[in-house]
Amino acid sequence: MTHSSQASTVPQGGGFFGHPRGLATLFFTEMWERFSYYGMRGILILFMVDAIQTGGLGLTVGRAAAIYGLYTAAAYLTALPGGWFADRIVGARNAVFYGGILIAAGQITLAMSATTQAGFYSGLLLVVTGTGLLKPNVSAIVGDLYPDGGARRDAGFSVFYMGINIGAFVGPLLCGYLGENIAWSYAFWAAGIGMILGLIQYKIGAGLGDLGGPPTPTPEEKSNTNKTLWGVIFGIVAVVAVLYWLYTSGIFTFTLEQAATATGVLIFGLVVVYFAIALMFGGYTTAEQKRLVVIFFLFLGAALFWSGFEQAGSALNLFAADFTDRVIFGWEAPASWLQAVNPIFIIIFAPIFGWLWLALGKWNPSLPVKFGYGLLLLGLGFLVIGWAAVYATPTDGVSPMWLVVTYFLHTSGELCLSPIGLSSITKLSPKKLVGQMMGIWFMGASLGNLIAGLAAGQMENMPLTQLFNTVAMVAIGAGILFILFKGPIRRLQGGVE
């Protein structure tokens, strides 16, 4: 299949921090999308557990956490079909625009009717679908700006990621204030308007030329694509219809918590089966098979890491709301404001960590050791908040500095694990599997988000200290295993770092 973006002229020029002008257009598109996503994410579980009388949904923590986990997991999982839809049908550029429209429509639906069951779930579904279309494809266009690759592309992505974190920083501040201090609907309106602003500047922005244009398939390729698309749509509709019939007829009933658990088992099972088939029937060399085993270990480590890290929006967000003293000079700051701590730490410390790995030279830790450090730092963060939970009560909250220290440790862990893992996946994958292995990485994030939601649901069933310390022990145990088995893992890498 020939993609128009591959034959296109790439606009250049020093229009944005010495980079192509198109980077500015994509920078602000992603900034507003992340503003929308993290702004809504910062208040989502707080809205769900808030009493009906004060504008919330009045859900139990367990049910709200299950919905939160399914929503955030789906936002990552839909990146896989979103990338396929762009590559085969509409092109990355159109996929970004259509995705932004769906996100804005979802946020506006939530703003107008989130207190109704139909409005709430419809809004979440629209946001998830739009995120799956926009998120992977806007990054793909950034890569197209630098056809020669190299250090300049890496620098371009570093600038682009600053946009992500600026949006993730501002979103919870504005949406959190509006939602917690005025009305929840105002937060959803702000998230929707933010995405609309991103769409406007994306359409009028300069410097993209014809990058990310639609594909130009042969008639046979187009026919195969249409068959695949309609087959998938029919399959999804059929499964949903059968499950709905089983549930409404009373033959097979299940709770949202059970549905979330089953989804997690399904994701993990699909990954295991995928790797088993690739190793046994893929026809790869022994060296490639060994590296696929390493990627599977990275998937496990990433899923475990995100299962703790992503509790920032669920369990730790509820801890901020119910067990943290946020009064400053007689004014109570919104709990969701603490969601802005991680992105500001990323902005500050990402360049420092990048410099550190280079400065260490031959003492630079190996891939499994960095994964181990990331998990250890995650575990230490949960030990800190577990310690705080000993002293916290609903009437006597602890200092927010406990959460700030926790988020500092978690951010340090993220900088050890996430960018290193992402880069290593591209190096370790067989050439024809790079895209699929990136999909596996997304599935690790999806599974981690799902587990994070389920773990937060246990806040009703066990003491907070026990919950946080359990998460800490699992993370620390996994981190120690990565460090202990660094030798065998490095041998499997076969010299690829």
Protein backbone atom coordinates (compact mmCIF):
# COMPACT_ATOMS: atom_id res chain seq x y z
CA MET A 1 0.00 0.00 0.00
CA THR A 2 1.31 3.43 -0.89
CA HIS A 3 0.72 6.18 1.63
CA SER A 4 0.61 9.75 0.41
CA SER A 5 2.57 10.84 3.46
CA GLN A 6 5.50 8.73 2.34
CA ALA A 7 5.82 10.57 -0.95
CA SER A 8 4.97 13.99 0.40
CA THR A 9 7.15 17.04 0.67
CA VAL A 10 8.04 17.67 4.28
CA PRO A 11 7.73 21.36 5.25
CA GLN A 12 10.89 22.55 6.93
CA GLY A 13 12.21 25.77 8.35
CA GLY A 14 13.05 27.03 11.80
CA GLY A 15 9.59 28.11 12.76
CA PHE A 16 9.27 26.55 16.24
CA PHE A 17 12.31 26.32 18.52
CA GLY A 18 14.39 25.63 15.41
CA HIS A 19 12.04 22.87 14.24
CA PRO A 20 9.57 22.66 11.32
CA ARG A 21 6.57 24.96 11.76
CA GLY A 22 4.29 21.95 11.67
CA LEU A 23 5.62 20.92 15.07
CA ALA A 24 3.90 23.96 16.60
CA THR A 25 0.56 22.89 15.12
CA LEU A 26 0.94 19.35 16.51
CA PHE A 27 2.36 20.62 19.83
CA PHE A 28 -0.75 22.71 20.56
CA THR A 29 -3.14 20.06 19.24
CA GLU A 30 -1.70 17.51 21.66
CA MET A 31 -1.49 20.09 24.46
CA TRP A 32 -5.23 20.80 24.23
CA GLU A 33 -6.09 17.10 23.90
CA ARG A 34 -4.09 16.29 27.04
CA PHE A 35 -5.65 19.31 28.77
CA SER A 36 -9.04 17.78 27.97
CA TYR A 37 -8.09 14.21 28.92
CA TYR A 38 -6.25 14.92 32.17
CA GLY A 39 -8.64 17.69 33.17
CA MET A 40 -11.56 15.27 32.98
CA ARG A 41 -9.54 12.35 34.38
CA GLY A 42 -8.62 14.45 37.42
CA ILE A 43 -12.26 14.84 38.48
CA LEU A 44 -13.84 11.68 37.04
CA ILE A 45 -13.74 9.40 40.09
CA LEU A 46 -14.52 12.33 42.42
CA PHE A 47 -17.63 13.06 40.34
CA MET A 48 -18.70 9.41 40.37
CA VAL A 49 -18.49 9.02 44.17
CA ASP A 50 -19.97 12.44 44.95
CA ALA A 51 -23.50 12.38 46.34
CA ILE A 52 -26.44 12.73 43.95
CA GLN A 53 -27.69 15.70 45.98
CA THR A 54 -24.53 17.66 45.16
CA GLY A 55 -24.45 16.79 41.45
CA GLY A 56 -22.49 13.53 41.46
CA LEU A 57 -23.48 9.99 40.58
CA GLY A 58 -23.46 8.66 44.15
CA LEU A 59 -21.63 5.44 43.21
CA THR A 60 -19.74 3.21 45.63
CA VAL A 61 -15.96 3.42 45.49
CA GLY A 62 -15.75 -0.12 44.10
CA ARG A 63 -18.14 0.55 41.21
CA ALA A 64 -16.63 3.97 40.44
CA ALA A 65 -13.09 2.53 40.46
CA ALA A 66 -14.13 -0.29 38.10
CA ILE A 67 -15.62 2.24 35.66
CA TYR A 68 -12.50 4.40 35.97
CA GLY A 69 -10.24 1.41 35.29
CA LEU A 70 -12.26 0.27 32.26
CA TYR A 71 -12.35 3.83 30.87
CA THR A 72 -8.60 4.53 31.19
CA ALA A 73 -7.72 1.02 29.96
CA ALA A 74 -9.93 1.47 26.89
CA ALA A 75 -8.34 4.86 26.14
CA TYR A 76 -5.00 3.07 25.65
CA LEU A 77 -6.38 -0.06 24.03
CA THR A 78 -8.23 1.84 21.28
CA ALA A 79 -4.89 3.24 20.08
CA LEU A 80 -4.39 -0.10 18.28
CA PRO A 81 -7.49 0.05 16.04
CA GLY A 82 -7.05 3.82 15.81
CA GLY A 83 -3.64 3.39 14.20
CA TRP A 84 -4.96 0.68 11.86
CA PHE A 85 -7.95 2.84 10.82
CA ALA A 86 -5.63 5.72 9.94
CA ASP A 87 -3.10 3.55 8.08
CA ARG A 88 -5.68 1.69 6.02
CA ILE A 89 -8.62 4.07 5.54
CA VAL A 90 -8.53 7.79 6.39
CA GLY A 91 -4.88 8.70 6.97
CA ALA A 92 -3.29 10.02 10.16
CA ARG A 93 -4.20 13.65 9.52
CA ASN A 94 -7.93 13.01 9.16
CA ALA A 95 -7.86 10.54 12.06
CA VAL A 96 -6.53 13.27 14.36
CA PHE A 97 -9.30 15.67 13.33
CA TYR A 98 -12.09 13.09 13.58
CA GLY A 99 -10.73 11.95 16.92
CA GLY A 100 -10.75 15.50 18.27
CA ILE A 101 -14.37 15.94 17.15
CA LEU A 102 -15.39 12.76 19.00
CA ILE A 103 -13.51 13.83 22.15
CA ALA A 104 -15.17 17.26 22.15
CA ALA A 105 -18.58 15.64 21.53
CA GLY A 106 -17.98 13.25 24.41
CA GLN A 107 -17.01 15.97 26.85
CA ILE A 108 -20.01 18.11 25.85
CA THR A 109 -22.28 15.06 26.24
CA LEU A 110 -20.91 14.61 29.77
CA ALA A 111 -21.36 18.32 30.50
CA MET A 112 -25.02 18.20 29.45
CA SER A 113 -26.14 14.80 30.72
CA ALA A 114 -23.47 13.04 32.82
CA THR A 115 -25.96 12.43 35.63
CA THR A 116 -28.02 10.17 33.36
CA GLN A 117 -26.82 6.64 32.65
CA ALA A 118 -27.15 7.03 28.87
CA GLY A 119 -25.38 10.40 28.84
CA PHE A 120 -22.55 9.26 31.11
CA TYR A 121 -21.64 6.07 29.26
CA SER A 122 -22.17 7.65 25.83
CA GLY A 123 -19.83 10.50 26.76
CA LEU A 124 -17.12 8.13 28.00
CA LEU A 125 -17.44 5.98 24.86
CA LEU A 126 -17.06 9.01 22.59
CA VAL A 127 -13.97 10.22 24.47
CA VAL A 128 -12.39 6.75 24.38
CA THR A 129 -13.01 6.35 20.64
CA GLY A 130 -11.71 9.84 19.88
CA THR A 131 -8.59 9.31 22.00
CA GLY A 132 -7.86 6.09 20.13
CA LEU A 133 -7.99 7.95 16.83
CA LEU A 134 -6.08 11.07 17.86
CA LYS A 135 -3.37 9.92 20.28
CA PRO A 136 -1.30 7.49 18.17
CA ASN A 137 -1.72 9.37 14.92
CA VAL A 138 -0.67 12.82 16.06
CA SER A 139 2.62 11.22 17.21
CA ALA A 140 2.96 9.49 13.83
CA ILE A 141 2.73 12.85 12.04
CA VAL A 142 5.41 14.29 14.34
CA GLY A 143 7.68 11.47 13.17
CA ASP A 144 6.83 12.29 9.52
CA LEU A 145 8.17 15.81 10.04
CA TYR A 146 11.65 14.28 10.34
CA PRO A 147 12.08 11.77 7.48
CA ASP A 148 15.82 11.54 8.15
CA GLY A 149 15.28 10.52 11.79
CA GLY A 150 18.32 10.91 14.01
CA ALA A 151 18.92 13.30 16.88
CA ARG A 152 16.78 16.05 15.36
CA ARG A 153 13.71 13.79 15.46
CA ASP A 154 14.47 12.89 19.10
CA ALA A 155 14.73 16.60 19.92
CA GLY A 156 11.43 17.25 18.11
CA PHE A 157 9.68 14.59 20.16
CA SER A 158 11.14 16.11 23.34
CA VAL A 159 9.56 19.47 22.44
CA PHE A 160 6.30 17.67 21.56
CA TYR A 161 6.24 15.89 24.95
CA MET A 162 6.51 19.27 26.65
CA GLY A 163 3.13 20.06 25.10
CA ILE A 164 1.72 16.86 26.56
CA ASN A 165 2.85 17.79 30.04
CA ILE A 166 1.80 21.43 29.84
CA GLY A 167 -1.71 20.24 28.99
CA ALA A 168 -1.61 17.60 31.71
CA PHE A 169 -0.52 20.28 34.21
CA VAL A 170 -3.10 22.96 33.38
CA GLY A 171 -6.06 20.59 32.82
CA PRO A 172 -6.50 19.38 36.40
CA LEU A 173 -5.99 22.92 37.76
CA LEU A 174 -8.78 24.51 35.72
CA CYS A 175 -11.18 21.56 35.43
CA GLY A 176 -10.56 20.60 39.04
CA TYR A 177 -11.38 24.07 40.33
CA LEU A 178 -14.53 24.35 38.22
CA GLY A 179 -15.76 20.86 39.06
CA GLU A 180 -15.06 20.79 42.79
CA ASN A 181 -15.83 24.44 43.59
CA ILE A 182 -18.66 25.35 41.18
CA ALA A 183 -20.32 22.43 39.36
CA TRP A 184 -19.10 19.17 37.80
CA SER A 185 -20.67 20.11 34.48
CA TYR A 186 -18.41 23.17 34.25
CA ALA A 187 -15.36 20.89 34.36
CA PHE A 188 -16.67 18.81 31.47
CA TRP A 189 -17.52 21.98 29.53
CA ALA A 190 -13.95 23.25 30.05
CA ALA A 191 -12.52 19.94 28.82
CA GLY A 192 -14.76 20.04 25.74
CA ILE A 193 -14.00 23.68 24.92
CA GLY A 194 -10.29 22.97 25.31
CA MET A 195 -10.51 20.21 22.70
CA ILE A 196 -12.48 22.52 20.37
CA LEU A 197 -9.70 25.13 20.66
CA GLY A 198 -7.21 22.40 19.79
CA LEU A 199 -9.23 21.45 16.72
CA ILE A 200 -9.46 25.06 15.51
CA GLN A 201 -5.74 25.65 15.69
CA TYR A 202 -5.10 22.21 14.12
CA LYS A 203 -7.20 23.21 11.11
CA ILE A 204 -5.71 26.67 10.69
CA GLY A 205 -2.18 25.71 11.76
CA ALA A 206 0.61 25.86 9.20
CA GLY A 207 3.52 23.66 8.28
CA LEU A 208 1.99 20.21 7.78
CA GLY A 209 1.82 20.27 3.99
CA ASP A 210 0.30 16.97 2.88
CA LEU A 211 1.73 14.90 5.72
CA GLY A 212 -0.52 12.18 7.11
CA GLY A 213 -2.69 12.06 4.02
CA PRO A 214 -5.05 9.18 3.25
CA PRO A 215 -3.62 5.95 1.83
CA THR A 216 -3.88 5.05 -1.84
CA PRO A 217 -4.62 1.32 -1.80
CA THR A 218 -5.03 -0.99 -4.74
CA PRO A 219 -8.60 -2.25 -5.38
CA GLU A 220 -7.68 -5.60 -3.83
CA GLU A 221 -6.23 -3.95 -0.70
CA LYS A 222 -9.29 -1.73 -0.39
CA SER A 223 -11.60 -4.74 -0.63
CA ASN A 224 -9.63 -6.64 2.03
CA THR A 225 -9.64 -3.60 4.31
CA ASN A 226 -13.41 -3.19 3.99
CA LYS A 227 -13.97 -6.87 4.73
CA THR A 228 -11.78 -6.65 7.83
CA LEU A 229 -13.47 -3.46 9.04
CA TRP A 230 -17.02 -4.75 8.66
CA GLY A 231 -16.03 -8.11 10.10
CA VAL A 232 -14.66 -6.46 13.24
CA ILE A 233 -17.72 -4.19 13.57
CA PHE A 234 -20.08 -7.17 13.16
CA GLY A 235 -18.08 -9.19 15.69
CA ILE A 236 -18.17 -6.42 18.32
CA VAL A 237 -21.90 -5.81 17.83
CA ALA A 238 -22.61 -9.54 18.04
CA VAL A 239 -20.62 -10.01 21.26
CA VAL A 240 -22.24 -6.96 22.90
CA ALA A 241 -25.70 -8.13 21.84
CA VAL A 242 -25.17 -11.64 23.21
CA LEU A 243 -23.79 -10.36 26.52
CA TYR A 244 -26.67 -7.91 26.83
CA TRP A 245 -29.21 -10.67 26.16
CA LEU A 246 -27.57 -13.02 28.66
CA TYR A 247 -27.50 -10.27 31.28
CA THR A 248 -31.08 -9.00 30.81
CA SER A 249 -32.51 -12.52 30.63
CA GLY A 250 -30.85 -13.44 33.93
CA ILE A 251 -28.93 -16.37 32.42
CA PHE A 252 -25.58 -14.77 33.19
CA THR A 253 -25.29 -11.77 35.49
CA PHE A 254 -22.15 -9.92 36.41
CA THR A 255 -21.08 -6.77 38.19
CA LEU A 256 -18.93 -4.04 36.70
CA GLU A 257 -16.10 -5.15 38.98
CA GLN A 258 -16.36 -8.68 37.57
CA ALA A 259 -16.47 -7.31 34.02
CA ALA A 260 -13.32 -5.29 34.67
CA THR A 261 -11.53 -8.32 36.12
CA ALA A 262 -12.57 -10.46 33.15
CA THR A 263 -11.32 -7.78 30.76
CA GLY A 264 -7.93 -7.77 32.50
CA VAL A 265 -7.68 -11.56 32.25
CA LEU A 266 -8.65 -11.34 28.56
CA ILE A 267 -5.98 -8.71 27.78
CA PHE A 268 -3.28 -10.72 29.55
CA GLY A 269 -4.42 -13.96 27.89
CA LEU A 270 -4.35 -12.39 24.41
CA VAL A 271 -0.78 -11.16 24.96
CA VAL A 272 0.38 -14.60 26.19
CA VAL A 273 -1.23 -16.35 23.21
CA TYR A 274 0.25 -13.77 20.81
CA PHE A 275 3.79 -14.34 22.10
CA ALA A 276 3.34 -18.12 22.15
CA ILE A 277 2.27 -18.13 18.50
CA ALA A 278 5.07 -15.73 17.51
CA LEU A 279 7.71 -17.85 19.25
CA MET A 280 6.49 -21.23 17.99
CA PHE A 281 5.23 -20.43 14.50
CA GLY A 282 6.63 -17.00 13.61
CA GLY A 283 9.72 -18.34 11.82
CA TYR A 284 12.07 -15.99 13.67
CA THR A 285 15.74 -16.64 14.30
CA THR A 286 16.91 -17.79 17.72
CA ALA A 287 18.25 -14.29 18.48
CA GLU A 288 14.91 -12.70 17.52
CA GLN A 289 13.00 -15.21 19.65
CA LYS A 290 15.16 -14.37 22.66
CA ARG A 291 14.47 -10.67 22.18
CA LEU A 292 10.75 -11.36 21.96
CA VAL A 293 11.03 -13.01 25.38
CA VAL A 294 12.69 -9.84 26.68
CA ILE A 295 9.82 -7.75 25.26
CA PHE A 296 7.35 -10.02 27.09
CA PHE A 297 9.23 -9.33 30.35
CA LEU A 298 9.10 -5.60 29.58
CA PHE A 299 5.34 -5.92 29.03
CA LEU A 300 4.97 -7.53 32.47
CA GLY A 301 7.14 -4.89 34.13
CA ALA A 302 5.28 -2.04 32.42
CA ALA A 303 1.86 -3.45 33.33
CA LEU A 304 2.92 -3.79 36.98
CA PHE A 305 4.37 -0.27 37.00
CA TRP A 306 1.27 1.38 35.49
CA SER A 307 -0.99 -0.61 37.83
CA GLY A 308 0.53 1.39 40.66
CA PHE A 309 1.38 4.65 38.94
CA GLU A 310 -2.10 5.13 37.46
CA GLN A 311 -3.70 5.00 40.90
CA ALA A 312 -2.88 8.72 40.88
CA GLY A 313 -6.28 9.33 39.28
CA SER A 314 -8.18 6.83 41.43
CA ALA A 315 -6.99 5.68 44.88
CA LEU A 316 -4.55 8.55 45.45
CA ASN A 317 -7.08 11.06 44.14
CA LEU A 318 -9.65 9.77 46.65
CA PHE A 319 -6.98 9.92 49.37
CA ALA A 320 -6.36 13.57 48.45
CA ALA A 321 -10.10 14.30 48.66
CA ASP A 322 -10.90 12.47 51.90
CA PHE A 323 -7.71 12.20 53.96
CA THR A 324 -5.59 15.24 53.05
CA ASP A 325 -5.65 18.68 54.67
CA ARG A 326 -5.78 21.04 51.67
CA VAL A 327 -6.65 24.24 53.52
CA ILE A 328 -4.37 27.16 52.60
CA PHE A 329 -4.93 30.44 54.48
CA GLY A 330 -8.51 29.43 55.17
CA TRP A 331 -9.24 28.29 51.58
CA GLU A 332 -9.50 24.62 50.64
CA ALA A 333 -7.69 23.76 47.43
CA PRO A 334 -9.38 21.22 45.12
CA ALA A 335 -8.17 17.64 45.59
CA SER A 336 -7.66 17.27 41.84
CA TRP A 337 -4.98 19.98 41.90
CA LEU A 338 -2.56 17.39 43.21
CA GLN A 339 -2.94 15.65 39.83
CA ALA A 340 -0.84 18.51 38.39
CA VAL A 341 2.21 17.53 40.45
CA ASN A 342 3.40 14.70 38.17
CA PRO A 343 3.47 16.69 34.90
CA ILE A 344 5.34 19.59 36.50
CA PHE A 345 7.90 17.13 37.89
CA ILE A 346 8.20 15.61 34.39
CA ILE A 347 8.88 19.03 32.89
CA ILE A 348 11.55 19.74 35.52
CA PHE A 349 13.29 16.37 35.77
CA ALA A 350 13.02 14.79 32.29
CA PRO A 351 16.00 16.80 30.96
CA ILE A 352 17.97 15.96 34.12
CA PHE A 353 17.39 12.22 33.74
CA GLY A 354 18.27 12.44 30.02
CA TRP A 355 21.54 14.17 30.92
CA LEU A 356 22.21 11.66 33.74
CA TRP A 357 22.06 8.59 31.49
CA LEU A 358 24.55 10.19 29.11
CA ALA A 359 26.83 11.41 31.90
CA LEU A 360 27.06 7.95 33.47
CA GLY A 361 28.71 6.64 30.32
CA LYS A 362 29.92 3.08 30.81
CA TRP A 363 28.28 3.02 34.26
CA ASN A 364 24.87 3.66 32.71
CA PRO A 365 22.51 1.03 34.19
CA SER A 366 21.32 -1.72 31.85
CA LEU A 367 17.72 -2.04 30.63
CA PRO A 368 16.54 -4.56 33.30
CA VAL A 369 18.21 -2.52 36.06
CA LYS A 370 16.42 0.66 34.95
CA PHE A 371 13.12 -1.24 34.96
CA GLY A 372 14.01 -2.48 38.43
CA TYR A 373 14.75 1.05 39.62
CA GLY A 374 11.44 2.27 38.20
CA LEU A 375 9.48 -0.40 40.10
CA LEU A 376 11.47 0.15 43.30
CA LEU A 377 10.77 3.90 43.20
CA LEU A 378 7.08 3.18 42.60
CA GLY A 379 7.06 0.89 45.63
CA LEU A 380 8.85 3.46 47.80
CA GLY A 381 6.22 6.02 46.84
CA PHE A 382 3.47 3.70 48.06
CA LEU A 383 5.37 3.05 51.30
CA VAL A 384 5.39 6.82 51.87
CA ILE A 385 1.64 7.18 51.32
CA GLY A 386 1.04 3.98 53.31
CA TRP A 387 2.91 5.61 56.21
CA ALA A 388 0.77 8.74 55.82
CA ALA A 389 -2.39 6.61 55.90
CA VAL A 390 -1.50 5.52 59.45
CA TYR A 391 -2.13 9.08 60.66
CA ALA A 392 -4.93 10.11 58.27
CA THR A 393 -8.60 10.28 59.22
CA PRO A 394 -11.55 11.94 57.44
CA THR A 395 -11.64 14.60 60.17
CA ASP A 396 -7.89 15.06 60.55
CA GLY A 397 -6.18 14.95 57.16
CA VAL A 398 -2.44 14.74 56.65
CA SER A 399 -0.26 17.28 54.87
CA PRO A 400 -0.42 17.23 51.03
CA MET A 401 3.38 16.99 51.11
CA TRP A 402 2.98 13.24 51.67
CA LEU A 403 1.36 13.00 48.24
CA VAL A 404 3.91 15.39 46.70
CA VAL A 405 6.76 13.15 47.89
CA THR A 406 4.90 10.08 46.63
CA TYR A 407 4.42 11.68 43.21
CA PHE A 408 8.08 12.72 43.11
CA LEU A 409 9.16 9.11 43.66
CA HIS A 410 6.60 7.85 41.12
CA THR A 411 7.74 10.41 38.53
CA SER A 412 11.37 9.40 39.06
CA GLY A 413 10.31 5.79 38.53
CA GLU A 414 8.43 6.76 35.36
CA LEU A 415 11.53 8.47 33.96
CA CYS A 416 13.59 5.33 34.65
CA LEU A 417 11.12 2.96 33.02
CA SER A 418 8.78 4.55 30.48
CA PRO A 419 11.03 6.30 27.92
CA ILE A 420 13.66 3.56 28.25
CA GLY A 421 11.09 0.83 27.66
CA LEU A 422 9.57 2.64 24.68
CA SER A 423 12.98 3.07 23.05
CA SER A 424 14.01 -0.52 23.79
CA ILE A 425 10.87 -1.96 22.19
CA THR A 426 11.81 -0.36 18.86
CA LYS A 427 15.36 -1.74 19.08
CA LEU A 428 14.51 -5.27 20.24
CA SER A 429 11.60 -5.95 17.88
CA PRO A 430 12.07 -7.86 14.62
CA LYS A 431 11.73 -5.27 11.84
CA LYS A 432 8.39 -6.51 10.60
CA LEU A 433 6.96 -6.51 14.15
CA VAL A 434 7.88 -3.02 15.38
CA GLY A 435 4.32 -1.70 15.01
CA GLN A 436 2.81 -4.76 16.67
CA MET A 437 5.28 -4.61 19.55
CA MET A 438 4.36 -0.96 20.11
CA GLY A 439 0.79 -2.23 20.30
CA ILE A 440 1.91 -4.70 22.99
CA TRP A 441 3.39 -1.76 24.92
CA PHE A 442 0.02 0.02 24.73
CA MET A 443 -1.65 -3.16 25.98
CA GLY A 444 0.69 -3.14 28.99
CA ALA A 445 -0.42 0.41 29.78
CA SER A 446 -4.04 -0.60 29.25
CA LEU A 447 -3.77 -3.60 31.59
CA GLY A 448 -1.98 -1.47 34.19
CA ASN A 449 -4.73 1.15 34.11
CA LEU A 450 -7.35 -1.54 34.54
CA ILE A 451 -5.58 -3.09 37.53
CA ALA A 452 -5.13 0.38 39.02
CA GLY A 453 -8.90 0.90 38.96
CA LEU A 454 -9.57 -2.50 40.51
CA ALA A 455 -6.98 -1.87 43.23
CA ALA A 456 -8.61 1.47 44.08
CA GLY A 457 -11.91 -0.36 44.49
CA GLN A 458 -10.40 -2.20 47.46
CA MET A 459 -10.38 1.04 49.48
CA GLU A 460 -13.80 -0.03 50.79
CA ASN A 461 -12.63 -3.51 51.77
CA MET A 462 -9.28 -3.09 53.50
CA PRO A 463 -7.44 -0.46 55.57
CA LEU A 464 -5.65 2.13 53.45
CA THR A 465 -2.27 1.31 54.96
CA GLN A 466 -2.70 -2.36 54.07
CA LEU A 467 -3.78 -1.52 50.51
CA PHE A 468 -0.89 0.88 49.84
CA ASN A 469 1.68 -1.39 51.49
CA THR A 470 0.46 -4.37 49.44
CA VAL A 471 0.95 -2.39 46.23
CA ALA A 472 4.38 -1.32 47.49
CA MET A 473 5.49 -4.89 48.21
CA VAL A 474 4.39 -6.15 44.80
CA ALA A 475 6.24 -3.31 43.04
CA ILE A 476 9.39 -3.67 45.15
CA GLY A 477 9.37 -7.45 44.69
CA ALA A 478 9.09 -7.08 40.92
CA GLY A 479 11.85 -4.46 40.91
CA ILE A 480 14.20 -6.73 42.84
CA LEU A 481 13.50 -9.59 40.41
CA PHE A 482 14.41 -7.40 37.42
CA ILE A 483 17.70 -6.43 39.08
CA LEU A 484 18.52 -9.98 40.21
CA PHE A 485 17.90 -11.40 36.74
CA LYS A 486 19.69 -8.63 34.87
CA GLY A 487 22.32 -11.11 33.64
CA PRO A 488 19.96 -13.59 31.98
CA ILE A 489 17.83 -10.78 30.52
CA ARG A 490 20.88 -9.07 29.05
CA ARG A 491 22.02 -12.35 27.51
CA LEU A 492 18.59 -12.69 25.90
CA GLN A 493 18.98 -9.16 24.52
CA GLY A 494 21.95 -10.39 22.50
CA GLY A 495 23.92 -7.16 22.71
CA VAL A 496 20.95 -4.87 21.96
CA GLU A 497 20.68 -2.17 24.65
